[in-house]
Amino acid sequence: MDEVALRRSIIEHCLEMNASGLNAGTSGNISVRWGDGLLVTPTGIPYRDLAPGDLPFMRFDGTWQGPLAPSSEWRFHLDILRNRPEVNAVVHTHPPYSTALAIKHLEIPALHYMIAAAGGNSIRCARYETYGTAALSEAVLEALEGRKACLMANHGMIATGPSLDRAMWLAVEVETLARQYVLTLQLGGPILLDDAEIDRVVEKFKGYGMRSKAAPDLPLSVPGATTVGSATSAAGISPPDRRSCKAHRRR
């Protein structure tokens, strides 16, 4: 993808982010690795008013160029991309369920196997720090250690990925998990999957998830199934140990 196409894609994903309910107004922001830095959405401009040339380019030394200033949250975008070479895109949103949990300083525990899409047995909640500060960036990097997504206390959510499509896909999955968690809390709390089961699913997820049609055909690992040749058959999975939410431990 050339630079102009990438800039257009960022704007399209911003519009999709708002249309899907993942975000409202200009509160969210997106960045994508490009060259020796990143392209990031500008601060305070409605997405519908953006043109490809409006997106600032930031170098990893913090300098930038373009007609508009970068997002006020540029610092954690830059620090994530600088410290996580496997990450090529960062999506930051304020979706209702993820943000509600973040306001309560709650992480999302292993209530569903899809938690493994975020890299482990929980989606952590980064401690609260003032937006746009180095302290917030440090808190986010800590919460993202060994993870692909996190909540941000009294703020919102971050999802990362090797591509913008994957980061957006994960943002949707995290918000879905947050909604499921809020609903199960109303029923007395979820029954959690144990660490061993999440480890198994994390391994299976190495070949699972949204892929581009242009990607080469790779063996697809489907949770709960075994593949022999082109045939797929259900595989038995032992019931996980059941623990209450209060017994959940973070790792």
Protein backbone atom coordinates (compact mmCIF):
# COMPACT_ATOMS: atom_id res chain seq x y z
CA MET A 1 0.00 0.00 0.00
CA ASP A 2 1.42 3.39 -0.95
CA GLU A 3 1.34 6.38 1.41
CA VAL A 4 -1.73 8.06 -0.07
CA ALA A 5 -3.70 4.80 0.05
CA LEU A 6 -2.63 4.27 3.66
CA ARG A 7 -3.73 7.78 4.60
CA ARG A 8 -7.12 7.15 2.98
CA SER A 9 -7.39 3.84 4.83
CA ILE A 10 -6.78 5.55 8.19
CA ILE A 11 -9.59 8.04 7.51
CA GLU A 12 -11.91 5.23 6.39
CA HIS A 13 -11.20 3.30 9.58
CA CYS A 14 -11.87 6.42 11.67
CA LEU A 15 -15.26 6.82 10.01
CA GLU A 16 -15.94 3.10 10.54
CA MET A 17 -14.93 3.43 14.19
CA ASN A 18 -17.61 6.07 14.77
CA ALA A 19 -20.26 4.43 12.59
CA SER A 20 -19.89 1.13 14.48
CA GLY A 21 -20.34 2.76 17.89
CA LEU A 22 -16.76 2.10 18.96
CA ASN A 23 -16.22 5.83 19.27
CA ALA A 24 -18.03 9.16 19.20
CA GLY A 25 -16.93 12.54 17.90
CA THR A 26 -13.18 13.12 17.72
CA SER A 27 -12.25 11.44 21.01
CA GLY A 28 -10.57 8.41 19.41
CA ASN A 29 -7.40 8.31 17.34
CA ILE A 30 -5.47 5.96 15.06
CA SER A 31 -1.82 5.59 14.10
CA VAL A 32 -0.02 3.36 11.60
CA ARG A 33 3.71 2.72 11.25
CA TRP A 34 5.15 4.32 8.14
CA GLY A 35 8.82 4.58 7.16
CA ASP A 36 10.91 5.82 10.07
CA GLY A 37 7.87 6.98 12.04
CA LEU A 38 4.09 6.92 11.97
CA LEU A 39 1.04 8.51 10.44
CA VAL A 40 -1.44 9.63 13.10
CA THR A 41 -4.81 11.36 13.10
CA PRO A 42 -4.71 15.10 13.82
CA THR A 43 -6.15 16.69 16.92
CA GLY A 44 -9.73 17.93 17.09
CA ILE A 45 -10.78 17.58 13.45
CA PRO A 46 -14.01 15.72 12.61
CA TYR A 47 -13.12 12.61 10.62
CA ARG A 48 -15.56 13.47 7.83
CA ASP A 49 -13.58 16.68 7.20
CA LEU A 50 -10.19 14.96 6.85
CA ALA A 51 -8.29 14.66 3.59
CA PRO A 52 -5.32 12.30 3.17
CA GLY A 53 -2.83 15.16 3.28
CA ASP A 54 -4.15 16.35 6.66
CA LEU A 55 -2.64 13.44 8.62
CA PRO A 56 0.63 14.45 10.30
CA PHE A 57 3.73 12.30 9.94
CA MET A 58 5.66 11.83 13.18
CA ARG A 59 9.23 10.65 13.53
CA PHE A 60 10.21 8.49 16.49
CA ASP A 61 12.16 11.43 17.95
CA GLY A 62 8.82 13.22 18.47
CA THR A 63 9.16 15.74 15.63
CA TRP A 64 6.37 15.97 13.09
CA GLN A 65 5.41 17.54 9.81
CA GLY A 66 2.09 18.37 8.18
CA PRO A 67 -0.57 21.06 8.02
CA LEU A 68 -2.30 19.92 11.22
CA ALA A 69 -0.94 19.06 14.69
CA PRO A 70 -0.98 15.39 15.71
CA SER A 71 -3.51 13.97 18.15
CA SER A 72 -3.08 15.08 21.75
CA GLU A 73 -2.56 11.38 22.50
CA TRP A 74 0.37 11.07 20.06
CA ARG A 75 2.79 10.12 22.84
CA PHE A 76 1.43 6.65 23.61
CA HIS A 77 0.97 5.94 19.90
CA LEU A 78 4.64 6.77 19.33
CA ASP A 79 5.86 4.87 22.39
CA ILE A 80 3.87 1.72 21.57
CA LEU A 81 5.16 1.63 17.99
CA ARG A 82 8.71 2.42 19.09
CA ASN A 83 8.78 -0.24 21.83
CA ARG A 84 6.73 -2.97 20.13
CA PRO A 85 8.27 -3.78 16.71
CA GLU A 86 5.59 -6.40 15.99
CA VAL A 87 2.89 -3.71 16.22
CA ASN A 88 2.16 -1.68 13.10
CA ALA A 89 -1.14 -0.03 14.07
CA VAL A 90 -2.74 1.40 17.21
CA VAL A 91 -6.46 2.09 17.64
CA HIS A 92 -7.62 4.17 20.62
CA THR A 93 -11.34 4.55 21.31
CA HIS A 94 -13.81 5.40 24.07
CA PRO A 95 -16.44 2.64 23.55
CA PRO A 96 -19.23 2.47 26.15
CA TYR A 97 -18.69 -0.93 27.78
CA SER A 98 -14.89 -0.90 27.81
CA THR A 99 -14.94 2.65 29.16
CA ALA A 100 -17.52 1.78 31.82
CA LEU A 101 -15.25 -0.98 33.13
CA ALA A 102 -12.26 1.35 32.92
CA ILE A 103 -14.13 3.96 34.98
CA LYS A 104 -14.47 1.27 37.67
CA HIS A 105 -10.75 0.37 37.23
CA LEU A 106 -11.72 -3.20 36.31
CA GLU A 107 -9.77 -5.46 34.00
CA ILE A 108 -11.58 -8.00 31.81
CA PRO A 109 -10.93 -11.54 33.11
CA ALA A 110 -10.99 -14.86 31.21
CA LEU A 111 -14.77 -15.13 30.94
CA HIS A 112 -14.62 -16.24 27.27
CA TYR A 113 -11.94 -17.92 25.17
CA MET A 114 -11.81 -14.86 22.88
CA ILE A 115 -9.84 -13.12 25.65
CA ALA A 116 -6.86 -14.95 24.13
CA ALA A 117 -7.10 -12.69 21.07
CA ALA A 118 -5.62 -9.98 23.28
CA GLY A 119 -2.66 -12.20 24.16
CA GLY A 120 -3.34 -13.64 27.61
CA ASN A 121 -5.78 -14.44 30.40
CA SER A 122 -6.91 -10.86 30.98
CA ILE A 123 -7.23 -7.45 29.41
CA ARG A 124 -5.60 -5.22 31.97
CA CYS A 125 -6.69 -1.74 32.98
CA ALA A 126 -3.85 0.80 32.91
CA ARG A 127 -3.74 3.11 35.91
CA TYR A 128 -5.18 6.59 35.47
CA GLU A 129 -2.87 9.35 34.32
CA THR A 130 -3.66 12.69 32.67
CA TYR A 131 -4.24 12.37 28.93
CA GLY A 132 -1.38 13.19 26.61
CA THR A 133 1.32 12.80 29.28
CA ALA A 134 4.44 10.67 29.47
CA ALA A 135 3.00 9.16 32.66
CA LEU A 136 -0.04 7.89 30.73
CA SER A 137 2.20 6.42 28.05
CA GLU A 138 4.21 4.58 30.72
CA ALA A 139 1.01 3.22 32.29
CA VAL A 140 -0.23 2.00 28.91
CA LEU A 141 3.05 0.27 28.05
CA GLU A 142 2.96 -1.50 31.42
CA ALA A 143 -0.64 -2.70 30.89
CA LEU A 144 0.24 -3.86 27.35
CA GLU A 145 3.21 -5.97 28.45
CA GLY A 146 2.55 -9.40 26.92
CA ARG A 147 -0.80 -8.14 25.62
CA LYS A 148 -2.27 -6.65 22.45
CA ALA A 149 -4.97 -4.53 24.09
CA CYS A 150 -5.75 -2.80 27.35
CA LEU A 151 -8.30 -0.59 29.06
CA MET A 152 -7.31 2.83 30.39
CA ALA A 153 -8.69 3.89 33.76
CA ASN A 154 -11.33 6.64 33.50
CA HIS A 155 -10.47 7.00 29.83
CA GLY A 156 -11.02 4.28 27.22
CA MET A 157 -9.37 1.38 25.39
CA ILE A 158 -6.37 0.65 23.16
CA ALA A 159 -6.05 -2.18 20.64
CA THR A 160 -2.93 -2.93 18.59
CA GLY A 161 -2.14 -5.15 15.65
CA PRO A 162 0.27 -6.05 12.86
CA SER A 163 -2.05 -4.12 10.53
CA LEU A 164 -4.79 -1.53 10.88
CA ASP A 165 -7.45 -4.07 9.94
CA ARG A 166 -6.26 -6.42 12.70
CA ALA A 167 -6.10 -3.64 15.29
CA MET A 168 -9.66 -2.57 14.44
CA TRP A 169 -10.85 -6.19 14.55
CA LEU A 170 -9.33 -6.56 18.02
CA ALA A 171 -10.93 -3.32 19.22
CA VAL A 172 -14.33 -4.77 18.28
CA GLU A 173 -13.52 -8.04 20.08
CA VAL A 174 -12.44 -6.20 23.23
CA GLU A 175 -15.64 -4.14 23.31
CA THR A 176 -17.67 -7.34 22.81
CA LEU A 177 -15.88 -8.97 25.76
CA ALA A 178 -16.46 -5.86 27.86
CA ARG A 179 -20.18 -5.97 27.10
CA GLN A 180 -20.33 -9.68 27.96
CA TYR A 181 -18.54 -9.00 31.24
CA VAL A 182 -20.91 -6.20 32.21
CA LEU A 183 -23.90 -8.44 31.43
CA THR A 184 -22.56 -11.42 33.40
CA LEU A 185 -21.83 -9.18 36.39
CA GLN A 186 -25.57 -8.52 36.48
CA LEU A 187 -26.10 -12.29 36.73
CA GLY A 188 -23.76 -12.74 39.68
CA GLY A 189 -20.44 -12.77 37.84
CA PRO A 190 -18.87 -15.00 35.19
CA ILE A 191 -17.42 -18.49 35.55
CA LEU A 192 -13.83 -18.07 34.39
CA LEU A 193 -11.64 -20.24 32.22
CA ASP A 194 -8.42 -21.39 33.85
CA ASP A 195 -4.92 -20.32 32.80
CA ALA A 196 -4.11 -23.66 31.16
CA GLU A 197 -7.12 -23.38 28.85
CA ILE A 198 -6.24 -19.79 27.90
CA ASP A 199 -2.67 -20.89 27.15
CA ARG A 200 -4.05 -23.56 24.80
CA VAL A 201 -6.27 -21.06 23.04
CA VAL A 202 -3.47 -18.48 22.73
CA GLU A 203 -1.44 -21.15 20.93
CA LYS A 204 -4.36 -22.05 18.65
CA PHE A 205 -4.96 -18.37 17.90
CA LYS A 206 -1.57 -18.11 16.21
CA GLY A 207 -3.39 -19.24 13.06
CA TYR A 208 -6.83 -17.83 13.85
CA GLY A 209 -8.65 -14.58 13.30
CA MET A 210 -9.37 -12.09 10.57
CA ARG A 211 -7.09 -12.41 7.55
CA SER A 212 -6.81 -10.59 4.25
CA LYS A 213 -8.02 -12.46 1.14
CA ALA A 214 -4.66 -11.53 -0.38
CA ALA A 215 -2.83 -13.45 2.35
CA PRO A 216 -1.42 -16.88 1.43
CA ASP A 217 -3.51 -19.90 2.39
CA LEU A 218 -2.25 -21.04 5.77
CA PRO A 219 -3.58 -23.81 8.00
CA LEU A 220 -6.41 -22.28 9.97
CA SER A 221 -6.60 -23.33 13.60
CA VAL A 222 -10.22 -23.23 14.69
CA PRO A 223 -10.83 -23.33 18.47
CA GLY A 224 -12.60 -26.54 19.39
CA ALA A 225 -11.73 -28.40 16.19
CA THR A 226 -9.00 -30.58 14.72
CA THR A 227 -8.03 -30.45 11.06
CA VAL A 228 -6.98 -33.46 8.98
CA GLY A 229 -6.33 -32.64 5.34
CA SER A 230 -9.31 -30.50 4.33
CA ALA A 231 -11.70 -32.10 6.82
CA THR A 232 -12.59 -30.48 10.16
CA SER A 233 -14.05 -32.40 13.05
CA ALA A 234 -15.09 -31.41 16.56
CA ALA A 235 -12.52 -32.07 19.24
CA GLY A 236 -13.31 -32.68 22.87
CA ILE A 237 -12.19 -30.02 25.31
CA SER A 238 -12.06 -30.76 29.00
CA PRO A 239 -14.25 -28.45 31.09
CA PRO A 240 -12.10 -25.68 32.61
CA ASP A 241 -11.70 -25.30 36.33
CA ARG A 242 -14.31 -22.90 37.61
CA ARG A 243 -13.37 -19.95 39.74
CA SER A 244 -15.29 -16.96 40.99
CA CYS A 245 -14.38 -13.46 39.83
CA LYS A 246 -12.95 -12.72 43.27
CA ALA A 247 -10.58 -15.66 42.94
CA HIS A 248 -9.23 -14.42 39.59
CA ARG A 249 -5.56 -13.66 39.62
CA ARG A 250 -3.70 -11.55 37.12
CA ARG A 251 -0.50 -12.58 35.51
